[in-house]
Amino acid sequence: MTAASDLEASVRSADVISCATLAEHSLIQGRWLKSRCHLDLVGSFTPSMREADDDCMRGAFIVVDTLTALTQSGDLSEPLARGVMAKEDISLLSDLIAAEPGAPRPHRTVFKSVGVAHADLAVAEYLVSALA
């Protein structure tokens, strides 16, 4: 892995973008995204934080780890307040995992995580049992 010196060029060429920052203003611009890409947002855990602009969300298939992300993250709360997307258009990761495969998805996908303790616990339990 190497550090990129040009964020825009790196995003424009990427199929998967993963952000884990403490940014208060959007770093990733929707106009930079490929039509077929995945954007993973794991920073932005307060309403005043943003990693991605509204254009990243517009028309994307958005999945969250928990519905509290809708109010805890500026990445979602701000575009929701402006009508860029609707709450009904956002899917829960647990529902997606339980769903039957088959429904076509839009080309651009976004996963927004604000972190849930039960997911951390599940990983820890798995690792303990796998290493035992």
C-alpha atoms as a PDB file:
ATOM      1  CA  MET A   1       0.000   0.000   0.000  1.00  0.00           C
ATOM      2  CA  THR A   2       1.242   3.480  -0.819  1.00  0.00           C
ATOM      3  CA  ALA A   3       0.037   6.937   0.066  1.00  0.00           C
ATOM      4  CA  ALA A   4      -1.587   8.885  -2.741  1.00  0.00           C
ATOM      5  CA  SER A   5      -0.400  12.394  -3.440  1.00  0.00           C
ATOM      6  CA  ASP A   6      -3.451  13.335  -5.534  1.00  0.00           C
ATOM      7  CA  LEU A   7      -6.766  12.468  -3.849  1.00  0.00           C
ATOM      8  CA  GLU A   8      -8.932  13.363  -6.834  1.00  0.00           C
ATOM      9  CA  ALA A   9      -6.905  11.282  -9.300  1.00  0.00           C
ATOM     10  CA  SER A  10      -6.830   8.361  -6.884  1.00  0.00           C
ATOM     11  CA  VAL A  11     -10.602   8.446  -6.349  1.00  0.00           C
ATOM     12  CA  ARG A  12     -11.293   8.786 -10.075  1.00  0.00           C
ATOM     13  CA  SER A  13      -9.322   5.600 -10.770  1.00  0.00           C
ATOM     14  CA  ALA A  14     -10.574   3.515  -7.814  1.00  0.00           C
ATOM     15  CA  ASP A  15     -13.232   0.821  -7.805  1.00  0.00           C
ATOM     16  CA  VAL A  16     -13.355   0.810  -3.991  1.00  0.00           C
ATOM     17  CA  ILE A  17     -12.750   3.838  -1.780  1.00  0.00           C
ATOM     18  CA  SER A  18     -12.540   3.422   1.979  1.00  0.00           C
ATOM     19  CA  CYS A  19     -12.527   6.478   4.249  1.00  0.00           C
ATOM     20  CA  ALA A  20     -11.671   6.334   7.931  1.00  0.00           C
ATOM     21  CA  THR A  21     -11.017   9.953   8.802  1.00  0.00           C
ATOM     22  CA  LEU A  22     -11.967  12.599  11.322  1.00  0.00           C
ATOM     23  CA  ALA A  23     -12.835  15.054   8.535  1.00  0.00           C
ATOM     24  CA  GLU A  24     -15.321  17.814   9.268  1.00  0.00           C
ATOM     25  CA  HIS A  25     -15.756  18.686   5.587  1.00  0.00           C
ATOM     26  CA  SER A  26     -16.254  16.404   2.596  1.00  0.00           C
ATOM     27  CA  LEU A  27     -13.053  14.907   1.254  1.00  0.00           C
ATOM     28  CA  ILE A  28     -14.634  12.738  -1.435  1.00  0.00           C
ATOM     29  CA  GLN A  29     -16.598  14.455  -4.195  1.00  0.00           C
ATOM     30  CA  GLY A  30     -19.335  12.565  -6.018  1.00  0.00           C
ATOM     31  CA  ARG A  31     -18.235  13.975  -9.369  1.00  0.00           C
ATOM     32  CA  TRP A  32     -14.945  12.088  -8.945  1.00  0.00           C
ATOM     33  CA  LEU A  33     -16.574   8.665  -8.488  1.00  0.00           C
ATOM     34  CA  LYS A  34     -16.687   6.078 -11.248  1.00  0.00           C
ATOM     35  CA  SER A  35     -20.189   4.992 -12.211  1.00  0.00           C
ATOM     36  CA  ARG A  36     -19.333   1.504 -10.892  1.00  0.00           C
ATOM     37  CA  CYS A  37     -17.663   1.875  -7.523  1.00  0.00           C
ATOM     38  CA  HIS A  38     -18.104   1.255  -3.831  1.00  0.00           C
ATOM     39  CA  LEU A  39     -17.614   3.934  -1.200  1.00  0.00           C
ATOM     40  CA  ASP A  40     -16.967   2.758   2.350  1.00  0.00           C
ATOM     41  CA  LEU A  41     -17.366   5.451   5.016  1.00  0.00           C
ATOM     42  CA  VAL A  42     -16.271   4.522   8.534  1.00  0.00           C
ATOM     43  CA  GLY A  43     -15.283   7.938   9.899  1.00  0.00           C
ATOM     44  CA  SER A  44     -17.875  10.702  10.336  1.00  0.00           C
ATOM     45  CA  PHE A  45     -19.489   9.521  13.547  1.00  0.00           C
ATOM     46  CA  THR A  46     -20.946  12.889  14.600  1.00  0.00           C
ATOM     47  CA  PRO A  47     -23.411  15.194  12.828  1.00  0.00           C
ATOM     48  CA  SER A  48     -20.672  17.786  12.289  1.00  0.00           C
ATOM     49  CA  MET A  49     -18.373  15.368  10.430  1.00  0.00           C
ATOM     50  CA  ARG A  50     -18.402  14.626   6.673  1.00  0.00           C
ATOM     51  CA  GLU A  51     -16.203  12.427   4.518  1.00  0.00           C
ATOM     52  CA  ALA A  52     -18.330  12.497   1.361  1.00  0.00           C
ATOM     53  CA  ASP A  53     -20.438  15.178  -0.308  1.00  0.00           C
ATOM     54  CA  ASP A  54     -24.124  14.964  -1.235  1.00  0.00           C
ATOM     55  CA  ASP A  55     -23.326  13.870  -4.799  1.00  0.00           C
ATOM     56  CA  CYS A  56     -21.740  10.699  -3.427  1.00  0.00           C
ATOM     57  CA  MET A  57     -25.130   9.781  -1.933  1.00  0.00           C
ATOM     58  CA  ARG A  58     -27.382  10.910  -4.780  1.00  0.00           C
ATOM     59  CA  GLY A  59     -28.625   7.822  -6.643  1.00  0.00           C
ATOM     60  CA  ALA A  60     -26.426   5.392  -4.690  1.00  0.00           C
ATOM     61  CA  PHE A  61     -27.491   2.156  -3.040  1.00  0.00           C
ATOM     62  CA  ILE A  62     -26.815   3.058   0.606  1.00  0.00           C
ATOM     63  CA  VAL A  63     -26.398   0.537   3.405  1.00  0.00           C
ATOM     64  CA  VAL A  64     -25.843   1.329   7.096  1.00  0.00           C
ATOM     65  CA  ASP A  65     -24.735  -0.809  10.015  1.00  0.00           C
ATOM     66  CA  THR A  66     -27.365   0.739  12.285  1.00  0.00           C
ATOM     67  CA  LEU A  67     -30.192   3.236  11.820  1.00  0.00           C
ATOM     68  CA  THR A  68     -28.573   5.536  14.360  1.00  0.00           C
ATOM     69  CA  ALA A  69     -26.131   6.363  11.545  1.00  0.00           C
ATOM     70  CA  LEU A  70     -28.927   8.455  10.026  1.00  0.00           C
ATOM     71  CA  THR A  71     -28.622  10.975  12.846  1.00  0.00           C
ATOM     72  CA  GLN A  72     -25.094  10.344  14.150  1.00  0.00           C
ATOM     73  CA  SER A  73     -23.237  10.942  10.892  1.00  0.00           C
ATOM     74  CA  GLY A  74     -23.140  14.181   8.930  1.00  0.00           C
ATOM     75  CA  ASP A  75     -22.555  12.036   5.831  1.00  0.00           C
ATOM     76  CA  LEU A  76     -26.197  10.953   6.109  1.00  0.00           C
ATOM     77  CA  SER A  77     -28.001  13.467   8.321  1.00  0.00           C
ATOM     78  CA  GLU A  78     -27.157  16.460   6.128  1.00  0.00           C
ATOM     79  CA  PRO A  79     -28.211  14.947   2.765  1.00  0.00           C
ATOM     80  CA  LEU A  80     -31.343  13.503   4.400  1.00  0.00           C
ATOM     81  CA  ALA A  81     -32.279  16.944   5.732  1.00  0.00           C
ATOM     82  CA  ARG A  82     -31.855  18.444   2.245  1.00  0.00           C
ATOM     83  CA  GLY A  83     -33.887  15.711   0.516  1.00  0.00           C
ATOM     84  CA  VAL A  84     -30.926  14.315  -1.436  1.00  0.00           C
ATOM     85  CA  MET A  85     -32.123  10.865  -0.373  1.00  0.00           C
ATOM     86  CA  ALA A  86     -34.970   9.467   1.692  1.00  0.00           C
ATOM     87  CA  LYS A  87     -34.748   7.358   4.845  1.00  0.00           C
ATOM     88  CA  GLU A  88     -36.813   4.676   3.085  1.00  0.00           C
ATOM     89  CA  ASP A  89     -34.099   4.326   0.441  1.00  0.00           C
ATOM     90  CA  ILE A  90     -31.448   3.307   2.986  1.00  0.00           C
ATOM     91  CA  SER A  91     -30.947  -0.369   3.802  1.00  0.00           C
ATOM     92  CA  LEU A  92     -29.724  -2.013   6.987  1.00  0.00           C
ATOM     93  CA  LEU A  93     -26.739  -4.317   6.618  1.00  0.00           C
ATOM     94  CA  SER A  94     -28.497  -7.025   8.658  1.00  0.00           C
ATOM     95  CA  ASP A  95     -31.493  -6.938   6.270  1.00  0.00           C
ATOM     96  CA  LEU A  96     -29.213  -7.107   3.256  1.00  0.00           C
ATOM     97  CA  ILE A  97     -27.392 -10.135   4.665  1.00  0.00           C
ATOM     98  CA  ALA A  98     -30.696 -11.899   5.387  1.00  0.00           C
ATOM     99  CA  ALA A  99     -32.256 -11.067   1.997  1.00  0.00           C
ATOM    100  CA  GLU A 100     -32.455 -13.455  -0.908  1.00  0.00           C
ATOM    101  CA  PRO A 101     -29.931 -12.581  -3.611  1.00  0.00           C
ATOM    102  CA  GLY A 102     -31.149 -11.477  -6.969  1.00  0.00           C
ATOM    103  CA  ALA A 103     -32.404  -7.903  -6.883  1.00  0.00           C
ATOM    104  CA  PRO A 104     -30.253  -5.721  -9.121  1.00  0.00           C
ATOM    105  CA  ARG A 105     -28.431  -2.919  -7.368  1.00  0.00           C
ATOM    106  CA  PRO A 106     -27.419   0.480  -8.719  1.00  0.00           C
ATOM    107  CA  HIS A 107     -23.845   0.645  -9.902  1.00  0.00           C
ATOM    108  CA  ARG A 108     -22.648   2.921  -7.110  1.00  0.00           C
ATOM    109  CA  THR A 109     -22.872   1.593  -3.571  1.00  0.00           C
ATOM    110  CA  VAL A 110     -22.172   3.293  -0.248  1.00  0.00           C
ATOM    111  CA  PHE A 111     -21.697   1.632   3.130  1.00  0.00           C
ATOM    112  CA  LYS A 112     -21.834   3.940   6.149  1.00  0.00           C
ATOM    113  CA  SER A 113     -20.721   2.554   9.476  1.00  0.00           C
ATOM    114  CA  VAL A 114     -20.785   4.382  12.769  1.00  0.00           C
ATOM    115  CA  GLY A 115     -19.584   1.292  14.598  1.00  0.00           C
ATOM    116  CA  VAL A 116     -21.716  -1.089  16.578  1.00  0.00           C
ATOM    117  CA  ALA A 117     -20.375  -2.936  19.583  1.00  0.00           C
ATOM    118  CA  HIS A 118     -22.121  -6.224  18.759  1.00  0.00           C
ATOM    119  CA  ALA A 119     -20.202  -6.436  15.482  1.00  0.00           C
ATOM    120  CA  ASP A 120     -16.917  -5.930  17.328  1.00  0.00           C
ATOM    121  CA  LEU A 121     -17.952  -8.592  19.839  1.00  0.00           C
ATOM    122  CA  ALA A 122     -18.875 -11.055  17.076  1.00  0.00           C
ATOM    123  CA  VAL A 123     -15.465 -10.635  15.447  1.00  0.00           C
ATOM    124  CA  ALA A 124     -13.701 -10.995  18.812  1.00  0.00           C
ATOM    125  CA  GLU A 125     -15.654 -14.180  19.625  1.00  0.00           C
ATOM    126  CA  TYR A 126     -14.853 -15.623  16.212  1.00  0.00           C
ATOM    127  CA  LEU A 127     -11.147 -14.875  16.588  1.00  0.00           C
ATOM    128  CA  VAL A 128     -11.005 -16.350  20.093  1.00  0.00           C
ATOM    129  CA  SER A 129     -12.693 -19.557  18.920  1.00  0.00           C
ATOM    130  CA  ALA A 130     -10.571 -19.766  15.769  1.00  0.00           C
ATOM    131  CA  LEU A 131      -7.337 -19.330  17.720  1.00  0.00           C
ATOM    132  CA  ALA A 132      -8.301 -21.716  20.551  1.00  0.00           C
END
